[in-house]
């Protein structure tokens, strides 16, 4: 039996980030063909928790946080071959441990909307999104 190692990493490679996004289906909603954007996502995510099996990245939780008030978990991706093994939940747990004072906030992917209540996260309907500046009235 292999061991899955969880750790906080300062930086991961664009290629392994891209691969885990694609292999998790999160790549359907992320700019996986835009290496500049992926690079900036990694560079400015100030809390990156990874799950690795024998050195291979199989899961990632990429967050933006002030470590005291809020942590926005922007990307939670687990390779489909490793889903339903508790890896996503452990990535969330490790993220919360690293920013324990802060409220952890995320926007669910449509396919995962039923997952988060099952692991104890509260659903809030008060989220708003502004994609384009021109939409601001």
C-alpha atoms as a PDB file:
ATOM      1  CA  UNK A   1       0.000   0.000   0.000  1.00  0.00           C
ATOM      2  CA  UNK A   2       1.336   3.415  -0.915  1.00  0.00           C
ATOM      3  CA  UNK A   3       1.262   6.439   1.304  1.00  0.00           C
ATOM      4  CA  UNK A   4      -0.192   9.770   0.312  1.00  0.00           C
ATOM      5  CA  UNK A   5       1.834  12.706   1.610  1.00  0.00           C
ATOM      6  CA  UNK A   6       0.199  16.055   2.327  1.00  0.00           C
ATOM      7  CA  UNK A   7       2.292  19.183   2.580  1.00  0.00           C
ATOM      8  CA  UNK A   8       2.335  22.919   2.079  1.00  0.00           C
ATOM      9  CA  UNK A   9       4.429  23.843  -0.931  1.00  0.00           C
ATOM     10  CA  UNK A  10       5.643  27.294  -1.894  1.00  0.00           C
ATOM     11  CA  UNK A  11       5.454  26.499  -5.587  1.00  0.00           C
ATOM     12  CA  UNK A  12       4.471  23.628  -7.860  1.00  0.00           C
ATOM     13  CA  UNK A  13       5.291  23.290 -11.537  1.00  0.00           C
ATOM     14  CA  UNK A  14       2.863  24.582 -14.128  1.00  0.00           C
ATOM     15  CA  UNK A  15       2.861  21.181 -15.820  1.00  0.00           C
ATOM     16  CA  UNK A  16       1.887  19.197 -12.725  1.00  0.00           C
ATOM     17  CA  UNK A  17      -0.738  21.816 -11.764  1.00  0.00           C
ATOM     18  CA  UNK A  18      -2.181  21.616 -15.275  1.00  0.00           C
ATOM     19  CA  UNK A  19      -2.197  17.801 -15.198  1.00  0.00           C
ATOM     20  CA  UNK A  20      -4.016  17.533 -11.881  1.00  0.00           C
ATOM     21  CA  UNK A  21      -6.598  20.104 -13.043  1.00  0.00           C
ATOM     22  CA  UNK A  22      -7.240  18.114 -16.220  1.00  0.00           C
ATOM     23  CA  UNK A  23      -7.255  14.747 -14.447  1.00  0.00           C
ATOM     24  CA  UNK A  24      -9.728  16.034 -11.858  1.00  0.00           C
ATOM     25  CA  UNK A  25     -12.200  17.533 -14.389  1.00  0.00           C
ATOM     26  CA  UNK A  26     -11.618  20.963 -12.813  1.00  0.00           C
ATOM     27  CA  UNK A  27      -9.708  21.658 -16.018  1.00  0.00           C
ATOM     28  CA  UNK A  28     -13.102  22.023 -17.726  1.00  0.00           C
ATOM     29  CA  UNK A  29     -13.446  25.354 -15.897  1.00  0.00           C
ATOM     30  CA  UNK A  30      -9.816  26.467 -15.694  1.00  0.00           C
ATOM     31  CA  UNK A  31      -7.549  28.014 -18.360  1.00  0.00           C
ATOM     32  CA  UNK A  32      -5.395  24.903 -18.769  1.00  0.00           C
ATOM     33  CA  UNK A  33      -4.107  26.032 -22.176  1.00  0.00           C
ATOM     34  CA  UNK A  34      -2.956  29.421 -20.872  1.00  0.00           C
ATOM     35  CA  UNK A  35       0.417  28.870 -19.201  1.00  0.00           C
ATOM     36  CA  UNK A  36       0.787  32.551 -18.266  1.00  0.00           C
ATOM     37  CA  UNK A  37      -2.462  32.457 -16.292  1.00  0.00           C
ATOM     38  CA  UNK A  38      -1.596  29.114 -14.693  1.00  0.00           C
ATOM     39  CA  UNK A  39       1.778  30.557 -13.719  1.00  0.00           C
ATOM     40  CA  UNK A  40       0.133  33.593 -12.081  1.00  0.00           C
ATOM     41  CA  UNK A  41      -2.366  31.331 -10.303  1.00  0.00           C
ATOM     42  CA  UNK A  42       0.524  29.435  -8.731  1.00  0.00           C
ATOM     43  CA  UNK A  43       2.618  32.543  -8.067  1.00  0.00           C
ATOM     44  CA  UNK A  44      -0.154  34.411  -6.264  1.00  0.00           C
ATOM     45  CA  UNK A  45      -1.792  31.513  -4.463  1.00  0.00           C
ATOM     46  CA  UNK A  46      -0.253  32.084  -1.050  1.00  0.00           C
ATOM     47  CA  UNK A  47      -1.336  28.741   0.427  1.00  0.00           C
ATOM     48  CA  UNK A  48      -0.853  25.642  -1.694  1.00  0.00           C
ATOM     49  CA  UNK A  49      -1.513  22.287  -0.043  1.00  0.00           C
ATOM     50  CA  UNK A  50      -0.636  19.220  -2.069  1.00  0.00           C
ATOM     51  CA  UNK A  51      -1.303  15.506  -1.993  1.00  0.00           C
ATOM     52  CA  UNK A  52       1.426  13.370  -3.535  1.00  0.00           C
ATOM     53  CA  UNK A  53       1.794   9.649  -4.057  1.00  0.00           C
ATOM     54  CA  UNK A  54       5.404   8.613  -4.623  1.00  0.00           C
ATOM     55  CA  UNK A  55       6.192  12.221  -5.564  1.00  0.00           C
ATOM     56  CA  UNK A  56       3.396  12.473  -8.153  1.00  0.00           C
ATOM     57  CA  UNK A  57       0.921  15.322  -7.603  1.00  0.00           C
ATOM     58  CA  UNK A  58      -2.527  13.743  -7.271  1.00  0.00           C
ATOM     59  CA  UNK A  59      -4.335  16.559  -5.470  1.00  0.00           C
ATOM     60  CA  UNK A  60      -4.024  20.263  -4.788  1.00  0.00           C
ATOM     61  CA  UNK A  61      -5.815  22.911  -2.745  1.00  0.00           C
ATOM     62  CA  UNK A  62      -4.787  26.407  -3.901  1.00  0.00           C
ATOM     63  CA  UNK A  63      -5.915  29.270  -1.698  1.00  0.00           C
ATOM     64  CA  UNK A  64      -5.625  33.019  -1.203  1.00  0.00           C
ATOM     65  CA  UNK A  65      -5.555  33.907   2.473  1.00  0.00           C
ATOM     66  CA  UNK A  66      -4.678  36.531   5.059  1.00  0.00           C
ATOM     67  CA  UNK A  67      -4.411  33.645   7.607  1.00  0.00           C
ATOM     68  CA  UNK A  68      -6.668  35.448  10.113  1.00  0.00           C
ATOM     69  CA  UNK A  69      -9.988  36.508   8.676  1.00  0.00           C
ATOM     70  CA  UNK A  70     -10.597  34.600   5.459  1.00  0.00           C
ATOM     71  CA  UNK A  71      -9.147  31.884   3.265  1.00  0.00           C
ATOM     72  CA  UNK A  72     -10.568  31.589  -0.233  1.00  0.00           C
ATOM     73  CA  UNK A  73     -10.013  28.046  -1.476  1.00  0.00           C
ATOM     74  CA  UNK A  74      -9.944  28.791  -5.170  1.00  0.00           C
ATOM     75  CA  UNK A  75      -8.958  25.402  -6.578  1.00  0.00           C
ATOM     76  CA  UNK A  76      -9.567  21.990  -5.067  1.00  0.00           C
ATOM     77  CA  UNK A  77      -8.558  19.283  -7.497  1.00  0.00           C
ATOM     78  CA  UNK A  78      -8.055  15.562  -6.980  1.00  0.00           C
ATOM     79  CA  UNK A  79      -7.127  13.237  -9.841  1.00  0.00           C
ATOM     80  CA  UNK A  80     -10.254  11.201 -10.697  1.00  0.00           C
ATOM     81  CA  UNK A  81      -8.330   7.941 -10.115  1.00  0.00           C
ATOM     82  CA  UNK A  82      -7.924   8.985  -6.461  1.00  0.00           C
ATOM     83  CA  UNK A  83     -11.359  10.439  -5.757  1.00  0.00           C
ATOM     84  CA  UNK A  84     -13.652   9.002  -3.082  1.00  0.00           C
ATOM     85  CA  UNK A  85     -10.634   8.183  -0.896  1.00  0.00           C
ATOM     86  CA  UNK A  86     -10.879  11.207   1.427  1.00  0.00           C
ATOM     87  CA  UNK A  87      -8.099  13.157  -0.297  1.00  0.00           C
ATOM     88  CA  UNK A  88     -10.217  16.238  -1.022  1.00  0.00           C
ATOM     89  CA  UNK A  89     -11.453  16.314   2.551  1.00  0.00           C
ATOM     90  CA  UNK A  90      -7.888  15.996   3.852  1.00  0.00           C
ATOM     91  CA  UNK A  91      -6.708  18.813   1.544  1.00  0.00           C
ATOM     92  CA  UNK A  92      -9.471  20.996   2.998  1.00  0.00           C
ATOM     93  CA  UNK A  93      -8.500  19.947   6.538  1.00  0.00           C
ATOM     94  CA  UNK A  94      -4.838  20.772   5.912  1.00  0.00           C
ATOM     95  CA  UNK A  95      -5.826  24.136   4.410  1.00  0.00           C
ATOM     96  CA  UNK A  96      -7.935  24.945   7.466  1.00  0.00           C
ATOM     97  CA  UNK A  97      -5.129  23.856   9.808  1.00  0.00           C
ATOM     98  CA  UNK A  98      -2.716  26.205   8.026  1.00  0.00           C
ATOM     99  CA  UNK A  99      -5.109  29.130   8.420  1.00  0.00           C
ATOM    100  CA  UNK A 100      -7.028  28.016  11.488  1.00  0.00           C
ATOM    101  CA  UNK A 101      -8.310  31.453  12.579  1.00  0.00           C
ATOM    102  CA  UNK A 102      -9.714  32.243   9.134  1.00  0.00           C
ATOM    103  CA  UNK A 103     -13.113  31.331   7.741  1.00  0.00           C
ATOM    104  CA  UNK A 104     -12.618  28.965   4.793  1.00  0.00           C
ATOM    105  CA  UNK A 105     -14.647  30.015   1.746  1.00  0.00           C
ATOM    106  CA  UNK A 106     -15.033  28.310  -1.625  1.00  0.00           C
ATOM    107  CA  UNK A 107     -17.213  28.303  -4.716  1.00  0.00           C
ATOM    108  CA  UNK A 108     -18.249  24.799  -5.684  1.00  0.00           C
ATOM    109  CA  UNK A 109     -17.819  23.321  -9.123  1.00  0.00           C
ATOM    110  CA  UNK A 110     -21.232  22.195 -10.383  1.00  0.00           C
ATOM    111  CA  UNK A 111     -20.259  18.512 -10.148  1.00  0.00           C
ATOM    112  CA  UNK A 112     -19.175  18.927  -6.501  1.00  0.00           C
ATOM    113  CA  UNK A 113     -22.100  20.931  -5.124  1.00  0.00           C
ATOM    114  CA  UNK A 114     -23.436  17.969  -3.131  1.00  0.00           C
ATOM    115  CA  UNK A 115     -20.011  17.003  -1.754  1.00  0.00           C
ATOM    116  CA  UNK A 116     -19.358  19.947   0.554  1.00  0.00           C
ATOM    117  CA  UNK A 117     -22.463  19.641   2.771  1.00  0.00           C
ATOM    118  CA  UNK A 118     -21.630  15.936   3.243  1.00  0.00           C
ATOM    119  CA  UNK A 119     -18.276  16.839   4.788  1.00  0.00           C
ATOM    120  CA  UNK A 120     -19.747  19.481   7.094  1.00  0.00           C
ATOM    121  CA  UNK A 121     -19.442  22.731   5.161  1.00  0.00           C
ATOM    122  CA  UNK A 122     -22.293  25.237   5.378  1.00  0.00           C
ATOM    123  CA  UNK A 123     -23.985  26.482   2.209  1.00  0.00           C
ATOM    124  CA  UNK A 124     -24.361  30.231   1.754  1.00  0.00           C
ATOM    125  CA  UNK A 125     -26.362  31.795  -1.062  1.00  0.00           C
ATOM    126  CA  UNK A 126     -24.938  35.317  -0.729  1.00  0.00           C
ATOM    127  CA  UNK A 127     -22.105  34.981  -3.266  1.00  0.00           C
ATOM    128  CA  UNK A 128     -21.806  37.373  -6.205  1.00  0.00           C
ATOM    129  CA  UNK A 129     -19.403  37.362  -9.125  1.00  0.00           C
ATOM    130  CA  UNK A 130     -18.202  40.157 -11.409  1.00  0.00           C
ATOM    131  CA  UNK A 131     -16.417  38.750 -14.435  1.00  0.00           C
ATOM    132  CA  UNK A 132     -16.059  41.802 -16.652  1.00  0.00           C
ATOM    133  CA  UNK A 133     -15.520  45.395 -15.480  1.00  0.00           C
ATOM    134  CA  UNK A 134     -17.991  46.547 -18.148  1.00  0.00           C
ATOM    135  CA  UNK A 135     -20.723  44.682 -16.277  1.00  0.00           C
ATOM    136  CA  UNK A 136     -20.325  46.996 -13.252  1.00  0.00           C
ATOM    137  CA  UNK A 137     -23.173  49.542 -13.348  1.00  0.00           C
END
